[in-house]
Amino acid sequence: MKTKFRLPNVLLLLLLVALNGQPADANENPDGRQGREAKTGVDDVPAGAWEFYYLAARPDADRLAQKSSYKFGQEAGCLYDMFLDCYVRREQMVAGDNTSRMVIRKPAIYNAVRSIEKHLGRTVDGDGNVSRESSDIFTRVLQIAVAAVGSDSDTFEDALHANRKNANDLLSLFDNVTLKEL
């Protein structure tokens, strides 16, 4: 009895796929944005594809002194704290209860920065310090991430999400960003 109903359903599904060329909900995203399924290759992105504005403020001496133990250096430590303040927020689940949850703004950028941090953190020298070049690269990535938090960065997020498996591709996407100082 069950096979009687399965066969027409399967035939109907195959007919729909043949008529449309793809399943009916393949282009829909829960957040309404298009293009998450389409891969955005790193080679397809032109140089300077994204532009973000930032306020170039150097941290004061007290803040730098507190971040002397961060593996990418003092300036990157201050920027990393600013990055976490911008992207991560803790919310109480129920009023009066101590349990809380972590809410992340723009998770594609957040996850890309964390992936790049892990990737660059593997390049340590004999003393356990990260090279100056890796520190400069990560500082620039953090500057871009902090500048992107208040900007319209949907296409940038889509490209980061599409290339989330490879940290080198993520770095080359961050290289295609132009920062403009306010």
Foldseek 3Di string as FASTA:
>chain_A
DVVVVVVVVVVVQVVVCVVVVHDPCPQQDPVRDGDLVPFDFLVNQDALNAEFEDADDFDDPVQLVVQCPDQLHSRLSVLVVLLCVLFWDWDDPDPPDPDIDIGGQLVLLVLLLVVLCVVQLVQADPVSHGDNVSSVLSSLSSRVSSRCSPDPCVVLSSNSSSVVVDNVSSSSSSSRYHYDYD
